[in-house]
Amino acid sequence: MSRVTNGWGQRGSAAATIAARLTFENLTRKFDDKYALRGVSLDIEPAETMCLLGPSGCGKTTLLRIAAGIEWPDAGRVLFNHQEVVGPNVFVPPEKRGIGLMFQDFALFPHLSIVKNVMFGLRMLEPAQAHRVAMAALVRVGLEAYAEDYPHVLSGGQQQRVALARAIAPRPSVMFMDEPFSGLDPRLRDHMREETMAILKEMRATSVIVTHQAEEAMRMGDRIAVMRGGRVLQVGTSEDIYNHPNSLFVARVFSEMNEMDCRAVGGYVDTVFGKFEVPKTITSDDVTVGVRFRALSLNEQGMGVPGRVIDRKFLGDAALIEIVVNGLDTPLKVRLRENLAPLTGEEIFVELDKDKALILESDD
């Protein structure tokens, strides 16, 4: 027998909550002789979505777990609306913080029905009221018809929606999400992201989302905090960080680049594309000029640097071209619309949009 739901994707009315300001003050966490966090401070506005972006082991999950009350810091404080929930002499239990949690493994209880999974976080309510609230959450994610089924009969995407319903049912003031879409296939992941963000915006909850994918962070975050080695390297909007990274590491997190290692002389570096002024914030003479693939263009009119195409990879609507250029040890990579891409072996000229060159201190 077929089932009919209200249709995941139809905008509903997730109950609004009172968003909290979330503040991390000088948080430090050490496991044996290794630091997971090194004095992290971060202030997140009420109803803001903050993405913690960085590679595995950079400390982003540890930061989230401390804020959620699953881990304890060695030093520092966490505040909700200027009220300390974690500190040297304070620890507010997770269930009293008004938070919602979503993990990448869904963490559903296999022995409980779908509706009872959602009711699990509503134990402070009377059973009948908890059931009504849980069903309202399932309606919002389009799974009310599966309320009495068990998790094993659901697809991965449906299980993720149950986890989301369970997280939003108590109307949390802060939502914590640890790589919640990493286990889904790309098409479903995009759909889940869009719908999850729609619900978070309806709820007006403050949200902290852990991810290692720059595109996901740019699509979801009002702001992004880039982390490395237990530290926050840069905080800002996706546009600000993408266009003005403060380090080579941050630039690499957001996209692949052609990198030209140079030596600064008199405040300038010379490259095959000309001379560039070194920002005064850079104190080292070892400088890297970063050029994203799309910052380069090709022409046959003799404008730019001469080169020869040595490889051409079809990527659907785009093509990735590799070009050898005199003066560079490694080929330049250029991303173009597929119908504009030259053939392997063609002689071509490469131009750089100099405004898009990134002049950064070299990173050991």
Protein backbone atom coordinates (compact mmCIF):
# COMPACT_ATOMS: atom_id res chain seq x y z
CA MET A 1 0.00 0.00 0.00
CA SER A 2 1.39 3.37 -0.94
CA ARG A 3 1.81 6.09 1.61
CA VAL A 4 1.09 9.76 1.21
CA THR A 5 2.94 12.42 3.16
CA ASN A 6 2.71 16.19 3.16
CA GLY A 7 5.74 16.34 0.86
CA TRP A 8 9.23 17.07 2.14
CA GLY A 9 10.09 20.42 0.71
CA GLN A 10 6.72 22.09 1.23
CA ARG A 11 7.42 25.06 3.46
CA GLY A 12 5.68 24.50 6.76
CA SER A 13 5.69 26.23 10.09
CA ALA A 14 8.45 25.02 12.34
CA ALA A 15 7.79 26.57 15.74
CA ALA A 16 9.82 29.70 16.35
CA THR A 17 12.15 29.88 19.32
CA ILE A 18 14.08 32.58 21.14
CA ALA A 19 17.59 32.46 19.71
CA ALA A 20 20.55 32.69 22.05
CA ARG A 21 23.87 34.48 21.69
CA LEU A 22 26.65 31.90 21.92
CA THR A 23 30.10 32.93 23.12
CA PHE A 24 33.32 30.94 23.41
CA GLU A 25 36.02 32.54 25.56
CA ASN A 26 39.60 31.28 25.35
CA LEU A 27 38.66 27.59 25.22
CA THR A 28 41.50 25.09 25.55
CA ARG A 29 41.25 21.30 25.38
CA LYS A 30 44.12 18.86 25.50
CA PHE A 31 44.14 15.08 25.02
CA ASP A 32 47.30 13.59 26.52
CA ASP A 33 50.08 15.71 24.98
CA LYS A 34 48.07 16.97 22.00
CA TYR A 35 46.00 20.15 21.91
CA ALA A 36 42.57 19.88 20.32
CA LEU A 37 41.79 23.54 21.06
CA ARG A 38 44.25 26.35 21.74
CA GLY A 39 42.55 29.38 23.22
CA VAL A 40 39.53 29.57 20.89
CA SER A 41 37.33 32.65 21.20
CA LEU A 42 34.25 33.18 19.04
CA ASP A 43 31.03 35.18 19.34
CA ILE A 44 27.91 34.01 17.48
CA GLU A 45 24.93 36.32 17.13
CA PRO A 46 21.36 35.24 17.99
CA ALA A 47 19.73 33.44 15.01
CA GLU A 48 23.04 33.39 13.12
CA THR A 49 24.29 30.28 11.34
CA MET A 50 28.01 29.80 11.94
CA CYS A 51 29.91 27.11 10.03
CA LEU A 52 33.07 25.67 11.55
CA LEU A 53 35.23 24.75 8.55
CA GLY A 54 38.51 22.87 8.50
CA PRO A 55 40.19 19.49 7.97
CA SER A 56 39.77 16.48 10.23
CA GLY A 57 41.50 16.95 13.58
CA CYS A 58 41.43 20.76 13.54
CA GLY A 59 39.24 20.99 16.65
CA LYS A 60 35.86 21.91 15.19
CA THR A 61 33.99 18.87 16.55
CA THR A 62 35.65 19.25 19.95
CA LEU A 63 34.46 22.86 20.07
CA LEU A 64 30.91 21.80 19.24
CA ARG A 65 30.96 18.99 21.81
CA ILE A 66 32.12 21.36 24.55
CA ALA A 67 29.33 23.80 23.69
CA ALA A 68 26.82 20.94 23.76
CA GLY A 69 28.04 19.66 27.13
CA ILE A 70 29.47 16.39 25.84
CA GLU A 71 33.11 17.40 26.43
CA TRP A 72 34.72 19.47 29.16
CA PRO A 73 37.37 22.13 28.42
CA ASP A 74 40.63 22.36 30.31
CA ALA A 75 40.28 26.14 30.39
CA GLY A 76 37.96 28.86 29.13
CA ARG A 77 34.22 29.48 29.21
CA VAL A 78 31.05 29.00 27.15
CA LEU A 79 28.19 31.47 27.56
CA PHE A 80 24.59 31.43 26.36
CA ASN A 81 23.13 34.94 26.38
CA HIS A 82 26.02 36.10 28.57
CA GLN A 83 25.21 33.39 31.14
CA GLU A 84 28.03 30.93 31.81
CA VAL A 85 27.16 27.29 31.05
CA VAL A 86 30.75 26.02 31.09
CA GLY A 87 33.57 27.50 33.11
CA PRO A 88 36.13 26.80 35.82
CA ASN A 89 33.41 26.35 38.44
CA VAL A 90 30.26 25.99 36.33
CA PHE A 91 28.80 23.14 34.30
CA VAL A 92 25.17 23.27 33.18
CA PRO A 93 23.96 19.81 32.04
CA PRO A 94 23.19 19.49 28.30
CA GLU A 95 19.48 18.90 28.89
CA LYS A 96 19.21 22.28 30.65
CA ARG A 97 20.94 24.32 27.93
CA GLY A 98 18.09 24.44 25.41
CA ILE A 99 20.07 22.87 22.57
CA GLY A 100 19.34 20.58 19.64
CA LEU A 101 21.87 18.06 18.32
CA MET A 102 22.30 16.38 14.93
CA PHE A 103 25.14 13.96 14.20
CA GLN A 104 26.38 12.46 10.95
CA ASP A 105 25.40 8.94 12.02
CA PHE A 106 21.78 10.01 12.82
CA ALA A 107 21.97 8.29 16.28
CA LEU A 108 18.43 6.90 16.10
CA PHE A 109 17.30 4.23 18.56
CA PRO A 110 16.53 1.08 16.53
CA HIS A 111 14.15 -0.35 19.16
CA LEU A 112 11.95 2.78 19.23
CA SER A 113 9.35 3.78 16.68
CA ILE A 114 9.91 6.95 14.64
CA VAL A 115 7.55 9.02 16.79
CA LYS A 116 9.14 7.71 20.01
CA ASN A 117 12.57 8.60 18.66
CA VAL A 118 11.35 12.16 18.22
CA MET A 119 9.69 12.12 21.66
CA PHE A 120 12.97 11.14 23.31
CA GLY A 121 14.00 14.77 23.76
CA LEU A 122 10.58 15.73 25.13
CA ARG A 123 10.67 13.77 28.37
CA MET A 124 9.85 16.89 30.41
CA LEU A 125 6.39 16.94 28.81
CA GLU A 126 3.38 14.78 29.58
CA PRO A 127 3.23 11.79 27.19
CA ALA A 128 0.17 13.04 25.30
CA GLN A 129 1.66 16.50 24.84
CA ALA A 130 5.05 15.06 23.87
CA HIS A 131 3.30 12.92 21.23
CA ARG A 132 1.53 15.97 19.76
CA VAL A 133 4.78 17.97 19.59
CA ALA A 134 6.64 15.01 18.04
CA MET A 135 3.96 14.52 15.41
CA ALA A 136 4.07 18.22 14.54
CA ALA A 137 7.82 17.90 13.97
CA LEU A 138 7.31 14.84 11.78
CA VAL A 139 4.70 16.72 9.76
CA ARG A 140 7.25 19.48 9.17
CA VAL A 141 9.75 17.00 7.69
CA GLY A 142 7.09 15.06 5.76
CA LEU A 143 7.28 11.78 7.68
CA GLU A 144 4.08 11.71 9.74
CA ALA A 145 2.89 8.64 7.80
CA TYR A 146 5.88 6.68 9.14
CA ALA A 147 5.35 7.59 12.80
CA GLU A 148 4.76 4.02 14.00
CA ASP A 149 7.47 2.43 11.84
CA TYR A 150 11.04 1.75 12.96
CA PRO A 151 14.27 3.34 11.69
CA HIS A 152 15.42 0.26 9.76
CA VAL A 153 12.60 0.62 7.21
CA LEU A 154 13.65 4.16 6.27
CA SER A 155 16.21 5.29 3.72
CA GLY A 156 19.27 7.27 4.79
CA GLY A 157 17.65 10.54 3.81
CA GLN A 158 14.49 9.69 5.74
CA GLN A 159 16.49 8.75 8.82
CA GLN A 160 18.25 12.09 8.60
CA ARG A 161 14.87 13.82 8.52
CA VAL A 162 13.85 11.93 11.67
CA ALA A 163 17.04 13.12 13.35
CA LEU A 164 16.18 16.67 12.30
CA ALA A 165 12.62 16.33 13.62
CA ARG A 166 13.97 15.07 16.95
CA ALA A 167 16.39 18.00 17.16
CA ILE A 168 13.79 20.71 16.42
CA ALA A 169 10.91 19.25 18.45
CA PRO A 170 12.00 20.81 21.80
CA ARG A 171 12.32 24.24 20.07
CA PRO A 172 15.99 24.69 20.98
CA SER A 173 17.56 28.13 21.19
CA VAL A 174 20.81 26.72 19.74
CA MET A 175 21.26 23.95 17.15
CA PHE A 176 24.52 22.01 16.89
CA MET A 177 25.09 19.95 13.73
CA ASP A 178 28.19 17.79 13.25
CA GLU A 179 28.66 17.08 9.51
CA PRO A 180 24.97 16.14 9.30
CA PHE A 181 24.90 15.47 5.54
CA SER A 182 28.20 13.66 5.01
CA GLY A 183 26.60 10.22 4.79
CA LEU A 184 24.18 11.14 1.99
CA ASP A 185 24.66 10.95 -1.75
CA PRO A 186 25.38 14.33 -3.43
CA ARG A 187 21.91 14.94 -4.88
CA LEU A 188 20.11 14.08 -1.64
CA ARG A 189 22.69 16.04 0.35
CA ASP A 190 21.91 19.23 -1.59
CA HIS A 191 18.18 18.73 -1.07
CA MET A 192 18.58 18.03 2.66
CA ARG A 193 20.76 21.10 3.06
CA GLU A 194 18.18 23.39 1.49
CA GLU A 195 15.31 22.04 3.54
CA THR A 196 17.29 22.00 6.78
CA MET A 197 18.27 25.64 6.28
CA ALA A 198 14.64 26.55 5.58
CA ILE A 199 13.62 24.99 8.90
CA LEU A 200 16.45 26.66 10.82
CA LYS A 201 15.44 30.04 9.40
CA GLU A 202 11.80 29.42 10.36
CA MET A 203 12.87 28.46 13.88
CA ARG A 204 15.26 31.41 14.17
CA ALA A 205 17.59 29.21 16.18
CA THR A 206 21.26 30.05 16.54
CA SER A 207 23.07 27.32 14.60
CA VAL A 208 26.60 25.93 14.63
CA ILE A 209 27.40 23.54 11.77
CA VAL A 210 30.61 21.52 11.51
CA THR A 211 31.82 20.73 8.00
CA HIS A 212 35.02 20.06 6.09
CA GLN A 213 33.50 21.13 2.75
CA ALA A 214 34.04 24.76 1.79
CA GLU A 215 31.08 24.80 -0.62
CA GLU A 216 28.75 23.52 2.09
CA ALA A 217 30.00 26.18 4.50
CA MET A 218 29.49 28.90 1.89
CA ARG A 219 25.97 27.70 1.11
CA MET A 220 24.84 27.37 4.71
CA GLY A 221 26.76 29.82 6.86
CA ASP A 222 25.96 33.45 7.54
CA ARG A 223 29.58 33.47 8.64
CA ILE A 224 32.39 30.92 8.57
CA ALA A 225 35.13 30.23 11.10
CA VAL A 226 38.12 28.53 9.46
CA MET A 227 40.03 26.32 11.90
CA ARG A 228 43.44 24.70 11.88
CA GLY A 229 45.42 23.00 14.62
CA GLY A 230 42.96 23.90 17.34
CA ARG A 231 42.84 27.58 16.45
CA VAL A 232 40.42 29.85 14.60
CA LEU A 233 42.40 31.40 11.75
CA GLN A 234 39.75 33.65 10.21
CA VAL A 235 36.10 34.53 10.73
CA GLY A 236 33.87 36.29 8.23
CA THR A 237 31.31 35.94 5.49
CA SER A 238 32.07 33.49 2.70
CA GLU A 239 32.64 36.35 0.25
CA ASP A 240 35.03 38.17 2.58
CA ILE A 241 37.13 35.10 3.34
CA TYR A 242 37.15 33.83 -0.24
CA ASN A 243 38.28 37.16 -1.66
CA HIS A 244 40.53 38.18 1.22
CA PRO A 245 42.03 35.10 2.89
CA ASN A 246 44.52 36.00 5.61
CA SER A 247 46.77 33.01 4.98
CA LEU A 248 47.73 30.52 2.31
CA PHE A 249 46.05 27.76 4.31
CA VAL A 250 42.71 29.59 4.32
CA ALA A 251 42.96 30.27 0.58
CA ARG A 252 43.61 26.59 -0.09
CA VAL A 253 40.61 25.54 2.01
CA PHE A 254 38.28 27.43 -0.33
CA SER A 255 39.65 26.37 -3.70
CA GLU A 256 42.51 24.83 -5.64
CA MET A 257 45.04 27.33 -6.90
CA ASN A 258 48.08 27.76 -9.05
CA GLU A 259 50.84 28.74 -6.64
CA MET A 260 53.99 30.67 -7.55
CA ASP A 261 56.61 30.81 -4.81
CA CYS A 262 58.51 34.09 -4.93
CA ARG A 263 61.06 36.13 -3.03
CA ALA A 264 60.03 39.66 -2.12
CA VAL A 265 62.51 42.42 -2.94
CA GLY A 266 61.80 46.00 -1.95
CA GLY A 267 58.17 45.21 -1.17
CA TYR A 268 57.45 43.62 -4.58
CA VAL A 269 57.53 40.18 -6.17
CA ASP A 270 58.17 39.43 -9.85
CA THR A 271 56.17 36.73 -11.65
CA VAL A 272 55.60 35.67 -15.24
CA PHE A 273 52.48 37.84 -15.08
CA GLY A 274 54.34 40.93 -13.92
CA LYS A 275 55.17 42.64 -10.66
CA PHE A 276 52.94 42.62 -7.57
CA GLU A 277 53.13 44.71 -4.44
CA VAL A 278 53.42 42.72 -1.22
CA PRO A 279 50.88 43.71 1.48
CA LYS A 280 52.48 45.42 4.46
CA THR A 281 50.93 42.81 6.75
CA ILE A 282 53.39 40.25 5.34
CA THR A 283 56.71 40.42 7.17
CA SER A 284 58.44 37.43 5.53
CA ASP A 285 60.35 37.68 2.25
CA ASP A 286 58.99 34.24 1.27
CA VAL A 287 55.75 34.96 -0.58
CA THR A 288 53.30 32.84 -2.55
CA VAL A 289 51.22 34.32 -5.35
CA GLY A 290 48.02 32.31 -5.51
CA VAL A 291 45.98 32.26 -8.72
CA ARG A 292 42.65 30.45 -8.78
CA PHE A 293 41.86 28.51 -11.93
CA ARG A 294 39.04 30.84 -12.96
CA ALA A 295 41.22 33.94 -12.55
CA LEU A 296 43.01 32.96 -15.76
CA SER A 297 41.71 33.33 -19.32
CA LEU A 298 43.04 32.25 -22.70
CA ASN A 299 43.29 34.04 -26.04
CA GLU A 300 44.99 33.72 -29.40
CA GLN A 301 45.64 37.42 -29.89
CA GLY A 302 49.13 37.61 -28.42
CA MET A 303 47.97 39.19 -25.16
CA GLY A 304 49.35 37.58 -22.04
CA VAL A 305 51.97 34.91 -21.45
CA PRO A 306 52.61 32.36 -24.24
CA GLY A 307 52.08 28.71 -23.45
CA ARG A 308 51.11 25.32 -24.85
CA VAL A 309 48.18 23.12 -23.83
CA ILE A 310 49.43 19.75 -22.57
CA ASP A 311 46.20 18.33 -21.14
CA ARG A 312 42.45 18.88 -21.44
CA LYS A 313 39.94 17.19 -19.14
CA PHE A 314 36.22 17.24 -19.85
CA LEU A 315 34.20 18.08 -16.70
CA GLY A 316 30.73 18.44 -18.16
CA ASP A 317 29.94 22.12 -18.62
CA ALA A 318 33.57 22.99 -17.88
CA ALA A 319 37.01 21.81 -18.92
CA LEU A 320 40.24 21.79 -16.92
CA ILE A 321 43.22 22.82 -19.03
CA GLU A 322 46.91 22.39 -18.19
CA ILE A 323 49.33 24.76 -19.88
CA VAL A 324 53.13 24.85 -19.77
CA VAL A 325 54.53 28.38 -19.57
CA ASN A 326 58.16 29.49 -19.75
CA GLY A 327 59.40 30.55 -16.33
CA LEU A 328 57.19 28.18 -14.31
CA ASP A 329 58.27 24.75 -13.06
CA THR A 330 54.72 23.37 -12.99
CA PRO A 331 51.91 23.72 -15.54
CA LEU A 332 49.20 26.31 -14.99
CA LYS A 333 45.67 25.02 -14.56
CA VAL A 334 42.76 26.94 -16.08
CA ARG A 335 39.04 26.17 -15.75
CA LEU A 336 36.92 27.24 -18.74
CA ARG A 337 33.55 26.63 -20.27
CA GLU A 338 33.91 23.40 -22.20
CA ASN A 339 33.04 24.95 -25.58
CA LEU A 340 35.80 27.56 -25.16
CA ALA A 341 38.56 25.11 -24.24
CA PRO A 342 41.49 24.70 -26.69
CA LEU A 343 42.72 21.31 -27.79
CA THR A 344 45.80 19.55 -26.48
CA GLY A 345 48.91 20.77 -28.27
CA GLU A 346 47.54 24.22 -29.16
CA GLU A 347 49.72 27.29 -28.67
CA ILE A 348 47.84 29.82 -26.58
CA PHE A 349 48.28 33.00 -24.52
CA VAL A 350 47.33 33.12 -20.83
CA GLU A 351 46.03 36.28 -19.15
CA LEU A 352 45.62 36.90 -15.45
CA ASP A 353 43.02 39.16 -13.87
CA LYS A 354 45.56 40.80 -11.56
CA ASP A 355 42.88 42.00 -9.15
CA LYS A 356 42.19 38.35 -8.35
CA ALA A 357 45.79 37.39 -7.55
CA LEU A 358 46.30 36.50 -3.88
CA ILE A 359 49.61 37.66 -2.36
CA LEU A 360 50.18 35.59 0.76
CA GLU A 361 52.96 34.60 3.10
CA SER A 362 54.37 31.19 2.19
CA ASP A 363 53.18 28.38 4.43
CA ASP A 364 55.64 25.73 5.58
